[in-house]
Amino acid sequence: MSQVKFKNNPVHLNAEQPQVGQKAPDFQLTGADLSEVSLENFKGQRVVLNVAPSVDTDVCAQQLRTFNQKAADLDNTAVVFTSMDLPFAYKRFCAAEGIKNAVTASDFKNRSMAQNYGLEMRDGPLAGLTARAVFVLDENHNIIHREVVDEITNEPNYEAALQALQK
């Protein structure tokens, strides 16, 4: 997919996204504590890459909350929420929501999630932010589920992602 929609208007993405069956591209994100976060941090674990435009919107906030509730207790699974938000926004949001176990990491510095996963919105009112997407990776970091949400204002299919983790 090289295009999504924002309020039914086309938004072009910077590249094609990796597909199910492919090795997940690496990324260099900035954690809430300003540490570097990459796939190496999750060696041997299943990973849910929970990507959104901004935690400061209702749908994105719900996306972080829902995955935190539904997947945070799964064995050998890390749920990583990422957007272009600054790490400080995650700290504020998680503190206000009482979320303690979420892995939040910002793509603001390196833009590697946006670039390597083809999720940077190139035009439209949210240009420069990441499109809403979910990638589920197995223990070897192969992509076993991929959803790039067609309409940015919609939530992802949580159940499909969770089912991929149960296979």
C-alpha atoms as a PDB file:
ATOM      1  CA  MET A   1       0.000   0.000   0.000  1.00  0.00           C
ATOM      2  CA  SER A   2       1.471   3.346  -0.928  1.00  0.00           C
ATOM      3  CA  GLN A   3      -1.627   5.334  -0.032  1.00  0.00           C
ATOM      4  CA  VAL A   4      -4.048   5.667   2.869  1.00  0.00           C
ATOM      5  CA  LYS A   5      -6.864   8.122   3.556  1.00  0.00           C
ATOM      6  CA  PHE A   6      -7.420  10.853   6.096  1.00  0.00           C
ATOM      7  CA  LYS A   7     -11.114  11.715   6.384  1.00  0.00           C
ATOM      8  CA  ASN A   8     -11.638  10.040   2.989  1.00  0.00           C
ATOM      9  CA  ASN A   9      -8.952  12.132   1.268  1.00  0.00           C
ATOM     10  CA  PRO A  10      -5.958  10.290  -0.234  1.00  0.00           C
ATOM     11  CA  VAL A  11      -2.632  10.528   1.573  1.00  0.00           C
ATOM     12  CA  HIS A  12       0.498   9.171  -0.094  1.00  0.00           C
ATOM     13  CA  LEU A  13       3.068   7.222   1.882  1.00  0.00           C
ATOM     14  CA  ASN A  14       6.813   7.401   1.286  1.00  0.00           C
ATOM     15  CA  ALA A  15       7.330   3.768   0.212  1.00  0.00           C
ATOM     16  CA  GLU A  16       5.849   0.293   0.104  1.00  0.00           C
ATOM     17  CA  GLN A  17       5.514  -1.493   3.424  1.00  0.00           C
ATOM     18  CA  PRO A  18       7.223  -4.787   4.291  1.00  0.00           C
ATOM     19  CA  GLN A  19       5.041  -7.854   3.808  1.00  0.00           C
ATOM     20  CA  VAL A  20       4.072 -10.892   5.881  1.00  0.00           C
ATOM     21  CA  GLY A  21       6.856 -13.471   5.642  1.00  0.00           C
ATOM     22  CA  GLN A  22       9.636 -10.899   5.359  1.00  0.00           C
ATOM     23  CA  LYS A  23      12.232 -10.157   8.013  1.00  0.00           C
ATOM     24  CA  ALA A  24      11.225  -7.019   9.884  1.00  0.00           C
ATOM     25  CA  PRO A  25      13.417  -4.011   9.127  1.00  0.00           C
ATOM     26  CA  ASP A  26      15.362  -2.637  12.073  1.00  0.00           C
ATOM     27  CA  PHE A  27      14.636   0.779  13.572  1.00  0.00           C
ATOM     28  CA  GLN A  28      16.273   3.228  15.951  1.00  0.00           C
ATOM     29  CA  LEU A  29      13.693   4.867  18.177  1.00  0.00           C
ATOM     30  CA  THR A  30      14.020   7.023  21.295  1.00  0.00           C
ATOM     31  CA  GLY A  31      12.505   5.579  24.465  1.00  0.00           C
ATOM     32  CA  ALA A  32      10.597   7.558  27.079  1.00  0.00           C
ATOM     33  CA  ASP A  33      13.813   7.591  29.154  1.00  0.00           C
ATOM     34  CA  LEU A  34      15.735   8.877  26.059  1.00  0.00           C
ATOM     35  CA  SER A  35      17.501   5.529  25.554  1.00  0.00           C
ATOM     36  CA  GLU A  36      17.813   3.993  22.095  1.00  0.00           C
ATOM     37  CA  VAL A  37      15.226   1.345  21.244  1.00  0.00           C
ATOM     38  CA  SER A  38      15.778  -1.072  18.359  1.00  0.00           C
ATOM     39  CA  LEU A  39      14.729  -4.598  17.418  1.00  0.00           C
ATOM     40  CA  GLU A  40      17.840  -5.823  19.236  1.00  0.00           C
ATOM     41  CA  ASN A  41      16.166  -4.791  22.524  1.00  0.00           C
ATOM     42  CA  PHE A  42      13.571  -7.504  21.901  1.00  0.00           C
ATOM     43  CA  LYS A  43      15.835 -10.367  20.844  1.00  0.00           C
ATOM     44  CA  GLY A  44      13.996 -13.688  21.118  1.00  0.00           C
ATOM     45  CA  GLN A  45      10.652 -11.995  21.867  1.00  0.00           C
ATOM     46  CA  ARG A  46       7.528 -11.611  19.791  1.00  0.00           C
ATOM     47  CA  VAL A  47       6.892  -7.945  19.061  1.00  0.00           C
ATOM     48  CA  VAL A  48       3.789  -5.923  18.259  1.00  0.00           C
ATOM     49  CA  LEU A  49       4.809  -2.705  16.524  1.00  0.00           C
ATOM     50  CA  ASN A  50       1.888  -0.414  17.280  1.00  0.00           C
ATOM     51  CA  VAL A  51       2.373   2.652  15.037  1.00  0.00           C
ATOM     52  CA  ALA A  52       0.201   5.788  15.061  1.00  0.00           C
ATOM     53  CA  PRO A  53       0.291   9.454  14.057  1.00  0.00           C
ATOM     54  CA  SER A  54       0.185  10.996  17.578  1.00  0.00           C
ATOM     55  CA  VAL A  55      -0.730   9.909  21.095  1.00  0.00           C
ATOM     56  CA  ASP A  56      -2.443  13.286  21.464  1.00  0.00           C
ATOM     57  CA  THR A  57      -5.409  12.241  19.319  1.00  0.00           C
ATOM     58  CA  ASP A  58      -8.356  10.210  20.596  1.00  0.00           C
ATOM     59  CA  VAL A  59      -7.936   7.258  18.210  1.00  0.00           C
ATOM     60  CA  CYS A  60      -4.187   6.984  18.805  1.00  0.00           C
ATOM     61  CA  ALA A  61      -4.636   7.203  22.568  1.00  0.00           C
ATOM     62  CA  GLN A  62      -7.259   4.452  22.383  1.00  0.00           C
ATOM     63  CA  GLN A  63      -4.896   2.343  20.274  1.00  0.00           C
ATOM     64  CA  LEU A  64      -2.170   2.571  22.932  1.00  0.00           C
ATOM     65  CA  ARG A  65      -4.658   1.832  25.739  1.00  0.00           C
ATOM     66  CA  THR A  66      -6.250  -1.129  23.955  1.00  0.00           C
ATOM     67  CA  PHE A  67      -3.020  -2.899  23.041  1.00  0.00           C
ATOM     68  CA  ASN A  68      -1.692  -2.240  26.532  1.00  0.00           C
ATOM     69  CA  GLN A  69      -4.785  -3.916  28.017  1.00  0.00           C
ATOM     70  CA  LYS A  70      -5.081  -6.815  25.585  1.00  0.00           C
ATOM     71  CA  ALA A  71      -1.470  -7.771  24.901  1.00  0.00           C
ATOM     72  CA  ALA A  72       0.680  -6.485  27.747  1.00  0.00           C
ATOM     73  CA  ASP A  73       0.386  -9.729  29.725  1.00  0.00           C
ATOM     74  CA  LEU A  74       1.149 -12.107  26.860  1.00  0.00           C
ATOM     75  CA  ASP A  75       4.184 -14.305  27.452  1.00  0.00           C
ATOM     76  CA  ASN A  76       7.384 -13.413  25.622  1.00  0.00           C
ATOM     77  CA  THR A  77       5.693 -10.506  23.845  1.00  0.00           C
ATOM     78  CA  ALA A  78       6.617  -6.832  23.757  1.00  0.00           C
ATOM     79  CA  VAL A  79       4.152  -4.218  22.552  1.00  0.00           C
ATOM     80  CA  VAL A  80       5.978  -1.142  21.253  1.00  0.00           C
ATOM     81  CA  PHE A  81       3.921   1.995  20.654  1.00  0.00           C
ATOM     82  CA  THR A  82       5.597   4.494  18.356  1.00  0.00           C
ATOM     83  CA  SER A  83       4.809   7.752  16.614  1.00  0.00           C
ATOM     84  CA  MET A  84       6.605  11.026  15.910  1.00  0.00           C
ATOM     85  CA  ASP A  85       5.600  12.361  19.340  1.00  0.00           C
ATOM     86  CA  LEU A  86       8.403  13.446  21.617  1.00  0.00           C
ATOM     87  CA  PRO A  87       9.281  10.964  24.381  1.00  0.00           C
ATOM     88  CA  PHE A  88       7.987  13.475  26.943  1.00  0.00           C
ATOM     89  CA  ALA A  89       4.471  13.215  25.484  1.00  0.00           C
ATOM     90  CA  TYR A  90       4.487   9.475  26.167  1.00  0.00           C
ATOM     91  CA  LYS A  91       5.598   9.998  29.755  1.00  0.00           C
ATOM     92  CA  ARG A  92       2.816  12.537  30.303  1.00  0.00           C
ATOM     93  CA  PHE A  93       0.172  10.359  28.632  1.00  0.00           C
ATOM     94  CA  CYS A  94       1.126   7.141  30.432  1.00  0.00           C
ATOM     95  CA  ALA A  95       1.272   8.922  33.797  1.00  0.00           C
ATOM     96  CA  ALA A  96      -2.166  10.477  33.264  1.00  0.00           C
ATOM     97  CA  GLU A  97      -3.643   7.139  32.147  1.00  0.00           C
ATOM     98  CA  GLY A  98      -1.937   5.024  34.816  1.00  0.00           C
ATOM     99  CA  ILE A  99      -0.166   2.946  32.161  1.00  0.00           C
ATOM    100  CA  LYS A 100       2.979   1.464  33.662  1.00  0.00           C
ATOM    101  CA  ASN A 101       4.112  -1.364  31.379  1.00  0.00           C
ATOM    102  CA  ALA A 102       3.849   0.170  27.912  1.00  0.00           C
ATOM    103  CA  VAL A 103       6.980   0.360  25.797  1.00  0.00           C
ATOM    104  CA  THR A 104       6.766   3.747  24.111  1.00  0.00           C
ATOM    105  CA  ALA A 105       9.397   4.942  21.689  1.00  0.00           C
ATOM    106  CA  SER A 106       9.558   8.002  19.467  1.00  0.00           C
ATOM    107  CA  ASP A 107      10.588   8.111  15.815  1.00  0.00           C
ATOM    108  CA  PHE A 108      11.150  11.886  15.900  1.00  0.00           C
ATOM    109  CA  LYS A 109      14.953  11.770  15.784  1.00  0.00           C
ATOM    110  CA  ASN A 110      15.879   9.090  13.244  1.00  0.00           C
ATOM    111  CA  ARG A 111      12.556   8.629  11.393  1.00  0.00           C
ATOM    112  CA  SER A 112      13.645   5.024  10.841  1.00  0.00           C
ATOM    113  CA  MET A 113      10.234   3.468  11.494  1.00  0.00           C
ATOM    114  CA  ALA A 114       8.656   5.887   9.016  1.00  0.00           C
ATOM    115  CA  GLN A 115      11.393   5.259   6.453  1.00  0.00           C
ATOM    116  CA  ASN A 116      12.064   1.527   6.873  1.00  0.00           C
ATOM    117  CA  TYR A 117       8.391   0.564   7.136  1.00  0.00           C
ATOM    118  CA  GLY A 118       7.081   2.938   4.438  1.00  0.00           C
ATOM    119  CA  LEU A 119       4.762   4.717   6.865  1.00  0.00           C
ATOM    120  CA  GLU A 120       5.649   8.387   6.491  1.00  0.00           C
ATOM    121  CA  MET A 121       2.697  10.420   5.249  1.00  0.00           C
ATOM    122  CA  ARG A 122       4.007  12.625   2.420  1.00  0.00           C
ATOM    123  CA  ASP A 123       1.016  14.931   1.965  1.00  0.00           C
ATOM    124  CA  GLY A 124      -2.253  15.917   3.582  1.00  0.00           C
ATOM    125  CA  PRO A 125      -2.741  17.680   6.918  1.00  0.00           C
ATOM    126  CA  LEU A 126      -0.675  15.040   8.788  1.00  0.00           C
ATOM    127  CA  ALA A 127       2.303  15.101   6.404  1.00  0.00           C
ATOM    128  CA  GLY A 128       5.489  14.039   8.160  1.00  0.00           C
ATOM    129  CA  LEU A 129       3.726  11.850  10.721  1.00  0.00           C
ATOM    130  CA  THR A 130       3.465   8.066  10.584  1.00  0.00           C
ATOM    131  CA  ALA A 131       0.391   6.314   9.259  1.00  0.00           C
ATOM    132  CA  ARG A 132      -1.551   4.016  11.574  1.00  0.00           C
ATOM    133  CA  ALA A 133      -0.252   0.444  11.317  1.00  0.00           C
ATOM    134  CA  VAL A 134       0.348  -2.756  13.250  1.00  0.00           C
ATOM    135  CA  PHE A 135       3.106  -5.256  12.516  1.00  0.00           C
ATOM    136  CA  VAL A 136       3.319  -8.460  14.540  1.00  0.00           C
ATOM    137  CA  LEU A 137       6.708 -10.177  14.576  1.00  0.00           C
ATOM    138  CA  ASP A 138       7.570 -13.700  15.682  1.00  0.00           C
ATOM    139  CA  GLU A 139      10.534 -14.541  17.959  1.00  0.00           C
ATOM    140  CA  ASN A 140      12.898 -14.357  14.952  1.00  0.00           C
ATOM    141  CA  HIS A 141      11.417 -10.989  13.981  1.00  0.00           C
ATOM    142  CA  ASN A 142       9.730 -12.237  10.847  1.00  0.00           C
ATOM    143  CA  ILE A 143       6.506 -10.397  10.056  1.00  0.00           C
ATOM    144  CA  ILE A 144       3.528 -12.665  10.786  1.00  0.00           C
ATOM    145  CA  HIS A 145       0.789 -10.013  10.631  1.00  0.00           C
ATOM    146  CA  ARG A 146       0.612  -6.652   8.907  1.00  0.00           C
ATOM    147  CA  GLU A 147      -2.114  -4.047   8.873  1.00  0.00           C
ATOM    148  CA  VAL A 148      -1.777  -0.561   7.465  1.00  0.00           C
ATOM    149  CA  VAL A 149      -5.086   1.028   8.393  1.00  0.00           C
ATOM    150  CA  ASP A 150      -6.694   2.367   5.225  1.00  0.00           C
ATOM    151  CA  GLU A 151      -8.457   5.281   6.949  1.00  0.00           C
ATOM    152  CA  ILE A 152      -6.202   7.061   9.464  1.00  0.00           C
ATOM    153  CA  THR A 153      -9.159   7.995  11.664  1.00  0.00           C
ATOM    154  CA  ASN A 154     -10.043   4.302  12.229  1.00  0.00           C
ATOM    155  CA  GLU A 155      -8.593   1.988  14.867  1.00  0.00           C
ATOM    156  CA  PRO A 156      -6.667  -1.115  13.786  1.00  0.00           C
ATOM    157  CA  ASN A 157      -8.098  -4.623  13.949  1.00  0.00           C
ATOM    158  CA  TYR A 158      -6.843  -5.585  17.411  1.00  0.00           C
ATOM    159  CA  GLU A 159      -8.262  -9.097  17.279  1.00  0.00           C
ATOM    160  CA  ALA A 160      -6.455  -9.955  14.035  1.00  0.00           C
ATOM    161  CA  ALA A 161      -3.144  -8.892  15.572  1.00  0.00           C
ATOM    162  CA  LEU A 162      -3.816 -10.859  18.751  1.00  0.00           C
ATOM    163  CA  GLN A 163      -4.819 -13.941  16.760  1.00  0.00           C
ATOM    164  CA  ALA A 164      -1.493 -13.786  14.910  1.00  0.00           C
ATOM    165  CA  LEU A 165       0.260 -13.972  18.291  1.00  0.00           C
ATOM    166  CA  GLN A 166      -1.699 -17.100  19.241  1.00  0.00           C
ATOM    167  CA  LYS A 167      -0.693 -19.135  16.187  1.00  0.00           C
END
